[in-house]
Protein backbone atom coordinates (compact mmCIF):
# COMPACT_ATOMS: atom_id res chain seq x y z
CA UNK A 1 102.01 -16.87 172.53
CA UNK A 2 101.01 -13.25 172.96
CA UNK A 3 97.45 -11.99 172.45
CA UNK A 4 96.66 -10.37 169.10
CA UNK A 5 96.08 -6.98 170.81
CA UNK A 6 97.44 -5.16 173.82
CA UNK A 7 95.57 -4.07 176.92
CA UNK A 8 96.02 -0.43 175.86
CA UNK A 9 94.54 -1.13 172.40
CA UNK A 10 91.47 -2.77 173.94
CA UNK A 11 91.02 0.08 176.41
CA UNK A 12 91.28 2.65 173.60
CA UNK A 13 88.64 0.74 171.62
CA UNK A 14 86.35 0.69 174.68
CA UNK A 15 86.79 4.44 175.19
CA UNK A 16 86.05 5.22 171.55
CA UNK A 17 83.35 2.69 170.68
CA UNK A 18 81.58 1.32 173.77
CA UNK A 19 79.88 4.18 175.66
CA UNK A 20 77.66 1.71 177.53
CA UNK A 21 80.79 0.37 179.27
CA UNK A 22 81.63 3.85 180.54
CA UNK A 23 78.06 4.32 181.74
CA UNK A 24 78.04 0.95 183.54
CA UNK A 25 81.61 1.39 184.86
CA UNK A 26 82.81 -1.74 183.03
CA UNK A 27 86.49 -1.73 182.08
CA UNK A 28 89.01 -4.08 180.52
CA UNK A 29 91.14 -5.37 183.38
CA UNK A 30 93.40 -7.86 181.56
CA UNK A 31 93.93 -9.74 178.33
CA UNK A 32 95.96 -12.88 177.66
CA UNK A 33 95.79 -15.48 174.94
CA UNK A 34 92.28 -16.99 175.01
CA UNK A 35 91.38 -14.98 178.14
CA UNK A 36 89.77 -11.67 178.91
CA UNK A 37 88.97 -10.04 182.23
CA UNK A 38 86.44 -7.25 182.66
CA UNK A 39 85.72 -5.30 185.86
CA UNK A 40 82.49 -3.76 187.09
CA UNK A 41 83.39 -0.94 189.48
CA UNK A 42 80.76 -1.06 192.21
CA UNK A 43 78.17 1.70 192.20
CA UNK A 44 74.87 1.40 194.07
CA UNK A 45 73.20 2.99 191.04
CA UNK A 46 73.22 -0.53 189.52
CA UNK A 47 71.77 -2.38 192.49
CA UNK A 48 68.40 -3.85 193.34
CA UNK A 49 66.70 -3.60 196.72
CA UNK A 50 68.90 -5.35 199.26
CA UNK A 51 72.05 -4.00 197.62
CA UNK A 52 72.33 -6.82 195.05
CA UNK A 53 74.09 -5.87 191.81
CA UNK A 54 71.37 -6.39 189.21
CA UNK A 55 71.48 -9.34 186.85
CA UNK A 56 71.50 -7.23 183.70
CA UNK A 57 74.71 -5.54 184.80
CA UNK A 58 76.34 -8.92 185.51
CA UNK A 59 75.23 -10.21 182.10
CA UNK A 60 76.75 -7.15 180.41
CA UNK A 61 79.97 -7.75 182.35
CA UNK A 62 80.13 -11.39 181.20
CA UNK A 63 79.41 -10.37 177.60
CA UNK A 64 82.20 -7.79 177.61
CA UNK A 65 84.68 -10.31 179.06
CA UNK A 66 83.95 -12.67 176.15
CA UNK A 67 84.45 -9.80 173.68
CA UNK A 68 87.90 -9.18 175.22
CA UNK A 69 88.84 -12.88 175.13
CA UNK A 70 87.83 -13.08 171.49
CA UNK A 71 90.06 -10.08 170.69
CA UNK A 72 93.01 -12.01 172.11
CA UNK A 73 92.84 -14.33 169.08
CA UNK A 74 91.27 -12.31 166.29
CA UNK A 75 92.33 -8.75 167.08
CA UNK A 76 89.68 -6.09 167.57
CA UNK A 77 86.57 -7.12 165.66
CA UNK A 78 84.03 -4.34 166.26
CA UNK A 79 81.22 -6.03 164.33
CA UNK A 80 81.33 -9.35 166.19
CA UNK A 81 78.04 -9.76 168.04
CA UNK A 82 76.69 -11.92 170.81
CA UNK A 83 74.90 -14.94 169.38
CA UNK A 84 73.92 -16.54 172.68
CA UNK A 85 74.55 -15.80 176.35
CA UNK A 86 73.37 -18.04 179.16
CA UNK A 87 74.08 -17.17 182.76
CA UNK A 88 73.52 -18.95 186.06
CA UNK A 89 73.41 -16.70 189.10
CA UNK A 90 74.94 -18.64 192.00
CA UNK A 91 74.88 -16.15 194.87
CA UNK A 92 74.26 -12.44 195.36
CA UNK A 93 76.94 -9.95 194.34
CA UNK A 94 76.85 -7.27 197.04
CA UNK A 95 78.99 -4.31 197.96
CA UNK A 96 82.17 -4.53 195.89
CA UNK A 97 83.62 -4.71 192.40
CA UNK A 98 82.95 -7.83 190.35
CA UNK A 99 85.40 -9.37 187.89
CA UNK A 100 84.43 -11.55 184.95
CA UNK A 101 87.07 -13.87 183.52
CA UNK A 102 86.26 -15.33 180.11
CA UNK A 103 88.06 -18.30 178.57
CA UNK A 104 87.74 -19.04 174.88
CA UNK A 105 86.84 -22.67 174.31
CA UNK A 106 86.79 -22.58 170.52
CA UNK A 107 87.09 -19.95 167.85
CA UNK A 108 86.15 -20.85 164.30
CA UNK A 109 85.79 -18.86 161.12
CA UNK A 110 82.25 -17.70 162.00
CA UNK A 111 81.60 -18.48 165.69
CA UNK A 112 83.54 -18.19 168.95
CA UNK A 113 82.57 -20.01 172.17
CA UNK A 114 83.57 -19.08 175.72
CA UNK A 115 82.88 -19.71 179.41
CA UNK A 116 82.89 -16.96 182.02
CA UNK A 117 83.27 -16.98 185.80
CA UNK A 118 82.13 -13.86 187.67
CA UNK A 119 83.53 -13.34 191.14
CA UNK A 120 83.84 -10.70 193.83
CA UNK A 121 87.02 -8.64 193.73
CA UNK A 122 89.51 -9.95 196.26
CA UNK A 123 87.79 -13.34 196.59
CA UNK A 124 88.29 -15.41 193.46
CA UNK A 125 86.61 -18.34 195.20
CA UNK A 126 83.39 -16.38 195.69
CA UNK A 127 81.87 -17.08 192.27
CA UNK A 128 78.62 -15.18 191.95
CA UNK A 129 77.70 -16.36 188.44
CA UNK A 130 78.82 -18.58 185.59
CA UNK A 131 78.03 -17.88 181.94
CA UNK A 132 78.55 -19.51 178.58
CA UNK A 133 78.41 -17.52 175.38
CA UNK A 134 78.89 -17.65 171.65
CA UNK A 135 79.78 -14.77 169.38
CA UNK A 136 79.03 -14.47 165.68
CA UNK A 137 82.07 -13.25 163.77
CA UNK A 138 81.56 -11.05 160.71
CA UNK A 139 82.00 -12.81 157.38
């Protein structure tokens, strides 16, 4: 099955409606059925001392990846909001882009659930964080 929206449609939505993504350099990298991938393009503006990408940026990246994955099933739902986001930071993210790949686990009439792995670009095995999230869908 194909996703409910195309990569170009998601990117156009981001450009028009999500200025925080532009500011944080978070983009939609890929979409497939039940999956969404977001990219944080490295910029030391968003680092902590020691060059670590800050946790808030990584949480935003995970959240956006879930938004994309949800769109793969429901189409673009601008008013869907994060209900819960839990993240475990496993190792520092330093010096390069980070990708977040979200996988929908369940999507109901009112709530969607997903898991997210965040990893360094070019090293899928270097997982820097894992998140789980739920989104409230508009009624």
